[in-house]
């Protein structure tokens, strides 16, 4: 049971750390797309 709870905590923390990074990358990609569209 302890191993399972540790495993869940690891998954939770990995999501908490990677989610903001992924959202920043998606925002940057949207900015690039907007610049490409506005250049036409």
PDB file of N, CA and C in Angstrom:
ATOM      1  N   UNK A   1       0.843  -1.207   0.000  1.00  0.00           N
ATOM      2  CA  UNK A   1       0.000   0.000   0.000  1.00  0.00           C
ATOM      3  C   UNK A   1       0.875   1.252   0.000  1.00  0.00           C
ATOM      4  N   UNK A   2       1.944   1.228   0.789  1.00  0.00           N
ATOM      5  CA  UNK A   2       2.841   2.390   0.862  1.00  0.00           C
ATOM      6  C   UNK A   2       3.490   2.655  -0.499  1.00  0.00           C
ATOM      7  N   UNK A   3       3.879   1.585  -1.190  1.00  0.00           N
ATOM      8  CA  UNK A   3       4.530   1.732  -2.505  1.00  0.00           C
ATOM      9  C   UNK A   3       3.561   2.380  -3.489  1.00  0.00           C
ATOM     10  N   UNK A   4       2.281   1.991  -3.435  1.00  0.00           N
ATOM     11  CA  UNK A   4       1.272   2.535  -4.350  1.00  0.00           C
ATOM     12  C   UNK A   4       1.096   4.032  -4.088  1.00  0.00           C
ATOM     13  N   UNK A   5       1.032   4.417  -2.816  1.00  0.00           N
ATOM     14  CA  UNK A   5       0.832   5.832  -2.485  1.00  0.00           C
ATOM     15  C   UNK A   5       2.038   6.668  -2.936  1.00  0.00           C
ATOM     16  N   UNK A   6       3.242   6.131  -2.784  1.00  0.00           N
ATOM     17  CA  UNK A   6       4.448   6.822  -3.242  1.00  0.00           C
ATOM     18  C   UNK A   6       4.410   6.972  -4.761  1.00  0.00           C
ATOM     19  N   UNK A   7       3.992   5.916  -5.455  1.00  0.00           N
ATOM     20  CA  UNK A   7       3.889   5.944  -6.906  1.00  0.00           C
ATOM     21  C   UNK A   7       2.894   7.011  -7.362  1.00  0.00           C
ATOM     22  N   UNK A   8       1.741   7.101  -6.681  1.00  0.00           N
ATOM     23  CA  UNK A   8       0.732   8.120  -7.003  1.00  0.00           C
ATOM     24  C   UNK A   8       1.293   9.517  -6.763  1.00  0.00           C
ATOM     25  N   UNK A   9       2.015   9.691  -5.669  1.00  0.00           N
ATOM     26  CA  UNK A   9       2.631  10.990  -5.379  1.00  0.00           C
ATOM     27  C   UNK A   9       3.631  11.374  -6.467  1.00  0.00           C
ATOM     28  N   UNK A  10       4.436  10.432  -6.920  1.00  0.00           N
ATOM     29  CA  UNK A  10       5.405  10.700  -7.986  1.00  0.00           C
ATOM     30  C   UNK A  10       4.696  11.152  -9.265  1.00  0.00           C
ATOM     31  N   UNK A  11       3.619  10.459  -9.622  1.00  0.00           N
ATOM     32  CA  UNK A  11       2.854  10.829 -10.819  1.00  0.00           C
ATOM     33  C   UNK A  11       2.273  12.235 -10.639  1.00  0.00           C
ATOM     34  N   UNK A  12       1.707  12.502  -9.449  1.00  0.00           N
ATOM     35  CA  UNK A  12       1.101  13.807  -9.160  1.00  0.00           C
ATOM     36  C   UNK A  12       2.126  14.916  -9.304  1.00  0.00           C
ATOM     37  N   UNK A  13       3.295  14.749  -8.694  1.00  0.00           N
ATOM     38  CA  UNK A  13       4.318  15.794  -8.752  1.00  0.00           C
ATOM     39  C   UNK A  13       4.856  15.976 -10.163  1.00  0.00           C
ATOM     40  N   UNK A  14       5.009  14.874 -10.906  1.00  0.00           N
ATOM     41  CA  UNK A  14       5.490  14.996 -12.286  1.00  0.00           C
ATOM     42  C   UNK A  14       4.497  15.782 -13.136  1.00  0.00           C
ATOM     43  N   UNK A  15       3.200  15.562 -12.906  1.00  0.00           N
ATOM     44  CA  UNK A  15       2.172  16.320 -13.640  1.00  0.00           C
ATOM     45  C   UNK A  15       2.226  17.794 -13.235  1.00  0.00           C
ATOM     46  N   UNK A  16       2.349  18.063 -11.930  1.00  0.00           N
ATOM     47  CA  UNK A  16       2.371  19.443 -11.438  1.00  0.00           C
ATOM     48  C   UNK A  16       3.574  20.197 -12.005  1.00  0.00           C
ATOM     49  N   UNK A  17       4.708  19.500 -12.177  1.00  0.00           N
ATOM     50  CA  UNK A  17       5.920  20.152 -12.681  1.00  0.00           C
ATOM     51  C   UNK A  17       5.839  20.337 -14.198  1.00  0.00           C
ATOM     52  N   UNK A  18       5.341  19.325 -14.914  1.00  0.00           N
ATOM     53  CA  UNK A  18       5.347  19.383 -16.381  1.00  0.00           C
ATOM     54  C   UNK A  18       4.177  20.178 -16.951  1.00  0.00           C
ATOM     55  N   UNK A  19       3.052  20.265 -16.253  1.00  0.00           N
ATOM     56  CA  UNK A  19       1.864  20.954 -16.783  1.00  0.00           C
ATOM     57  C   UNK A  19       2.141  22.438 -17.081  1.00  0.00           C
ATOM     58  N   UNK A  20       2.744  23.217 -16.160  1.00  0.00           N
ATOM     59  CA  UNK A  20       3.040  24.625 -16.479  1.00  0.00           C
ATOM     60  C   UNK A  20       4.000  24.761 -17.661  1.00  0.00           C
ATOM     61  N   UNK A  21       4.971  23.858 -17.759  1.00  0.00           N
ATOM     62  CA  UNK A  21       5.931  23.910 -18.868  1.00  0.00           C
ATOM     63  C   UNK A  21       5.207  23.652 -20.186  1.00  0.00           C
ATOM     64  N   UNK A  22       4.323  22.649 -20.194  1.00  0.00           N
ATOM     65  CA  UNK A  22       3.577  22.329 -21.414  1.00  0.00           C
ATOM     66  C   UNK A  22       2.670  23.484 -21.806  1.00  0.00           C
ATOM     67  N   UNK A  23       2.028  24.134 -20.829  1.00  0.00           N
ATOM     68  CA  UNK A  23       1.135  25.250 -21.149  1.00  0.00           C
ATOM     69  C   UNK A  23       1.937  26.426 -21.710  1.00  0.00           C
ATOM     70  N   UNK A  24       3.143  26.670 -21.175  1.00  0.00           N
ATOM     71  CA  UNK A  24       3.990  27.744 -21.713  1.00  0.00           C
ATOM     72  C   UNK A  24       4.373  27.446 -23.154  1.00  0.00           C
ATOM     73  N   UNK A  25       4.718  26.186 -23.445  1.00  0.00           N
ATOM     74  CA  UNK A  25       5.082  25.809 -24.802  1.00  0.00           C
ATOM     75  C   UNK A  25       3.900  25.988 -25.750  1.00  0.00           C
ATOM     76  N   UNK A  26       2.695  25.641 -25.314  1.00  0.00           N
ATOM     77  CA  UNK A  26       1.525  25.766 -26.178  1.00  0.00           C
ATOM     78  C   UNK A  26       1.223  27.240 -26.443  1.00  0.00           C
ATOM     79  N   UNK A  27       1.423  28.100 -25.442  1.00  0.00           N
ATOM     80  CA  UNK A  27       1.203  29.541 -25.625  1.00  0.00           C
ATOM     81  C   UNK A  27       2.210  30.087 -26.630  1.00  0.00           C
ATOM     82  N   UNK A  28       3.469  29.673 -26.516  1.00  0.00           N
ATOM     83  CA  UNK A  28       4.492  30.118 -27.465  1.00  0.00           C
ATOM     84  C   UNK A  28       4.138  29.671 -28.878  1.00  0.00           C
ATOM     85  N   UNK A  29       3.661  28.439 -29.032  1.00  0.00           N
ATOM     86  CA  UNK A  29       3.278  27.935 -30.347  1.00  0.00           C
ATOM     87  C   UNK A  29       2.108  28.744 -30.902  1.00  0.00           C
ATOM     88  N   UNK A  30       1.153  29.113 -30.060  1.00  0.00           N
ATOM     89  CA  UNK A  30       0.021  29.919 -30.510  1.00  0.00           C
ATOM     90  C   UNK A  30       0.515  31.287 -30.974  1.00  0.00           C
ATOM     91  N   UNK A  31       1.456  31.877 -30.263  1.00  0.00           N
ATOM     92  CA  UNK A  31       2.014  33.169 -30.659  1.00  0.00           C
ATOM     93  C   UNK A  31       2.666  33.057 -32.031  1.00  0.00           C
ATOM     94  N   UNK A  32       3.421  31.985 -32.256  1.00  0.00           N
ATOM     95  CA  UNK A  32       4.075  31.788 -33.555  1.00  0.00           C
ATOM     96  C   UNK A  32       3.028  31.663 -34.649  1.00  0.00           C
ATOM     97  N   UNK A  33       1.964  30.903 -34.380  1.00  0.00           N
ATOM     98  CA  UNK A  33       0.901  30.735 -35.373  1.00  0.00           C
ATOM     99  C   UNK A  33       0.253  32.073 -35.684  1.00  0.00           C
ATOM    100  N   UNK A  34       0.004  32.888 -34.657  1.00  0.00           N
ATOM    101  CA  UNK A  34      -0.617  34.194 -34.870  1.00  0.00           C
ATOM    102  C   UNK A  34       0.284  35.082 -35.720  1.00  0.00           C
ATOM    103  N   UNK A  35       1.592  35.064 -35.458  1.00  0.00           N
ATOM    104  CA  UNK A  35       2.530  35.872 -36.236  1.00  0.00           C
ATOM    105  C   UNK A  35       2.550  35.424 -37.691  1.00  0.00           C
ATOM    106  N   UNK A  36       2.493  34.116 -37.909  1.00  0.00           N
ATOM    107  CA  UNK A  36       2.486  33.589 -39.287  1.00  0.00           C
ATOM    108  C   UNK A  36       1.226  34.052 -40.016  1.00  0.00           C
ATOM    109  N   UNK A  37       0.089  33.960 -39.332  1.00  0.00           N
ATOM    110  CA  UNK A  37      -1.178  34.350 -39.956  1.00  0.00           C
ATOM    111  C   UNK A  37      -1.222  35.859 -40.211  1.00  0.00           C
ATOM    112  N   UNK A  38      -0.702  36.645 -39.274  1.00  0.00           N
ATOM    113  CA  UNK A  38      -0.767  38.094 -39.428  1.00  0.00           C
ATOM    114  C   UNK A  38       0.190  38.584 -40.522  1.00  0.00           C
ATOM    115  N   UNK A  39       1.223  37.801 -40.852  1.00  0.00           N
ATOM    116  CA  UNK A  39       2.176  38.206 -41.881  1.00  0.00           C
ATOM    117  C   UNK A  39       1.563  38.078 -43.281  1.00  0.00           C
ATOM    118  N   UNK A  40       0.522  37.222 -43.415  1.00  0.00           N
ATOM    119  CA  UNK A  40      -0.078  37.052 -44.739  1.00  0.00           C
ATOM    120  C   UNK A  40      -0.978  38.222 -45.106  1.00  0.00           C
TER     121      UNK A  40
END
